[in-house]
Amino acid sequence: MIYDFYGFPEDLYRVQYGCPGAPSLAQRRVASSGDIIRCNPSLGTDLRQPEVSIAMRTLSSRGWIVSSENKAETKGRPIKIYTLVKPINEIMDCIENEKREEATTQLAMVQKLREYIR
């Protein structure tokens, strides 16, 4: 998930968030919501349920994942299983290109505003 983060006090830009990432999860084509939520050395996403739901809804709306449900081992909600439709690198390339285009558009607007005040 990509967050736009600007306009805050300078100290907030120096905050480091030490989540180790999830390289082993990124290489898998199929994962459950529990796999994504867990934070351990092999996965390390450090995401919580609302964040996973938002991310999965976004990925699903873009056609990048499909989901199915399996019965839980205990009584309770079924376990969601997510499958990537595209390789993660293609998804990341698409997100990066979109963010570059957004940045280019924003910078062009800033330049236009500068021209107005000259």
Protein backbone atom coordinates (compact mmCIF):
# COMPACT_ATOMS: atom_id res chain seq x y z
CA MET A 1 0.00 0.00 0.00
CA ILE A 2 1.30 3.43 -0.86
CA TYR A 3 0.66 6.36 1.46
CA ASP A 4 1.02 9.97 0.40
CA PHE A 5 2.68 11.77 3.30
CA TYR A 6 3.36 15.49 3.10
CA GLY A 7 2.66 18.74 4.89
CA PHE A 8 3.59 17.51 8.36
CA PRO A 9 6.21 18.76 10.83
CA GLU A 10 9.78 17.95 9.76
CA ASP A 11 10.35 15.57 12.71
CA LEU A 12 7.74 13.15 11.34
CA TYR A 13 9.72 12.69 8.14
CA ARG A 14 12.67 11.36 10.16
CA VAL A 15 10.66 8.64 11.92
CA GLN A 16 11.91 5.19 10.96
CA TYR A 17 9.51 2.25 10.92
CA GLY A 18 11.55 -0.91 11.28
CA CYS A 19 9.23 -3.54 9.81
CA PRO A 20 11.49 -6.15 8.20
CA GLY A 21 9.30 -6.56 5.12
CA ALA A 22 7.88 -9.78 3.73
CA PRO A 23 10.12 -11.14 0.97
CA SER A 24 8.98 -14.74 1.46
CA LEU A 25 5.33 -13.67 1.33
CA ALA A 26 5.98 -11.54 -1.76
CA GLN A 27 7.27 -14.60 -3.63
CA ARG A 28 4.13 -16.64 -2.91
CA ARG A 29 1.17 -16.64 -5.28
CA VAL A 30 -1.33 -17.76 -2.61
CA ALA A 31 -1.68 -16.54 0.99
CA SER A 32 -4.35 -16.44 3.65
CA SER A 33 -5.36 -13.31 5.51
CA GLY A 34 -3.66 -14.82 8.59
CA ASP A 35 -0.38 -15.16 6.64
CA ILE A 36 -0.56 -11.49 5.70
CA ILE A 37 -1.40 -10.28 9.22
CA ARG A 38 1.25 -12.27 11.10
CA CYS A 39 4.43 -10.46 11.98
CA ASN A 40 7.28 -12.89 12.32
CA PRO A 41 10.80 -13.11 10.91
CA SER A 42 9.74 -15.14 7.87
CA LEU A 43 6.83 -12.87 6.87
CA GLY A 44 7.18 -9.59 8.73
CA THR A 45 4.31 -7.62 7.21
CA ASP A 46 3.24 -6.20 10.57
CA LEU A 47 -0.20 -5.38 9.12
CA ARG A 48 -3.38 -5.54 11.15
CA GLN A 49 -6.81 -6.66 9.96
CA PRO A 50 -8.17 -3.27 8.81
CA GLU A 51 -5.00 -2.61 6.81
CA VAL A 52 -5.13 -6.05 5.19
CA SER A 53 -8.81 -5.57 4.27
CA ILE A 54 -8.11 -2.19 2.67
CA ALA A 55 -5.10 -3.51 0.76
CA MET A 56 -6.93 -6.63 -0.44
CA ARG A 57 -9.99 -4.61 -1.50
CA THR A 58 -7.71 -2.31 -3.54
CA LEU A 59 -5.83 -5.21 -5.13
CA SER A 60 -9.09 -7.00 -5.89
CA SER A 61 -10.73 -3.94 -7.47
CA ARG A 62 -7.73 -3.67 -9.79
CA GLY A 63 -8.01 -7.32 -10.81
CA TRP A 64 -4.65 -8.22 -9.29
CA ILE A 65 -5.95 -10.86 -6.86
CA VAL A 66 -8.85 -13.22 -6.48
CA SER A 67 -10.09 -14.50 -3.16
CA SER A 68 -11.79 -17.62 -1.94
CA GLU A 69 -12.82 -18.88 1.49
CA ASN A 70 -11.90 -22.02 3.43
CA LYS A 71 -13.67 -23.24 6.53
CA ALA A 72 -11.93 -22.25 9.73
CA GLU A 73 -10.43 -25.06 11.80
CA THR A 74 -12.52 -23.84 14.71
CA LYS A 75 -15.94 -22.27 14.78
CA GLY A 76 -15.81 -18.78 13.44
CA ARG A 77 -15.35 -16.86 10.27
CA PRO A 78 -14.05 -18.64 7.19
CA ILE A 79 -10.42 -18.00 6.31
CA LYS A 80 -9.92 -15.86 3.22
CA ILE A 81 -7.36 -17.15 0.73
CA TYR A 82 -5.89 -14.61 -1.70
CA THR A 83 -4.26 -15.56 -4.99
CA LEU A 84 -2.21 -13.16 -7.10
CA VAL A 85 -3.39 -12.97 -10.69
CA LYS A 86 -0.22 -11.14 -11.75
CA PRO A 87 3.33 -11.51 -10.45
CA ILE A 88 4.07 -9.13 -7.56
CA ASN A 89 6.81 -7.38 -9.56
CA GLU A 90 4.31 -6.45 -12.29
CA ILE A 91 1.91 -5.12 -9.66
CA MET A 92 4.68 -3.06 -8.05
CA ASP A 93 5.79 -1.72 -11.46
CA CYS A 94 2.22 -0.62 -12.18
CA ILE A 95 1.90 1.13 -8.80
CA GLU A 96 5.29 2.81 -9.27
CA ASN A 97 4.35 4.07 -12.75
CA GLU A 98 1.05 5.45 -11.48
CA LYS A 99 2.78 7.25 -8.61
CA ARG A 100 5.36 8.69 -11.01
CA GLU A 101 2.56 9.98 -13.25
CA GLU A 102 0.77 11.48 -10.24
CA ALA A 103 3.99 13.17 -9.11
CA THR A 104 4.62 14.53 -12.61
CA THR A 105 1.08 15.94 -12.74
CA GLN A 106 1.43 17.52 -9.29
CA LEU A 107 4.81 19.05 -10.15
CA ALA A 108 3.36 20.48 -13.38
CA MET A 109 0.58 22.12 -11.36
CA VAL A 110 3.11 23.59 -8.94
CA GLN A 111 5.12 24.95 -11.88
CA LYS A 112 1.97 26.50 -13.33
CA LEU A 113 1.21 28.16 -9.99
CA ARG A 114 4.76 29.53 -9.88
CA GLU A 115 4.21 31.05 -13.33
CA TYR A 116 1.07 32.78 -12.08
CA ILE A 117 2.92 34.51 -9.23
CA ARG A 118 5.87 35.73 -11.34
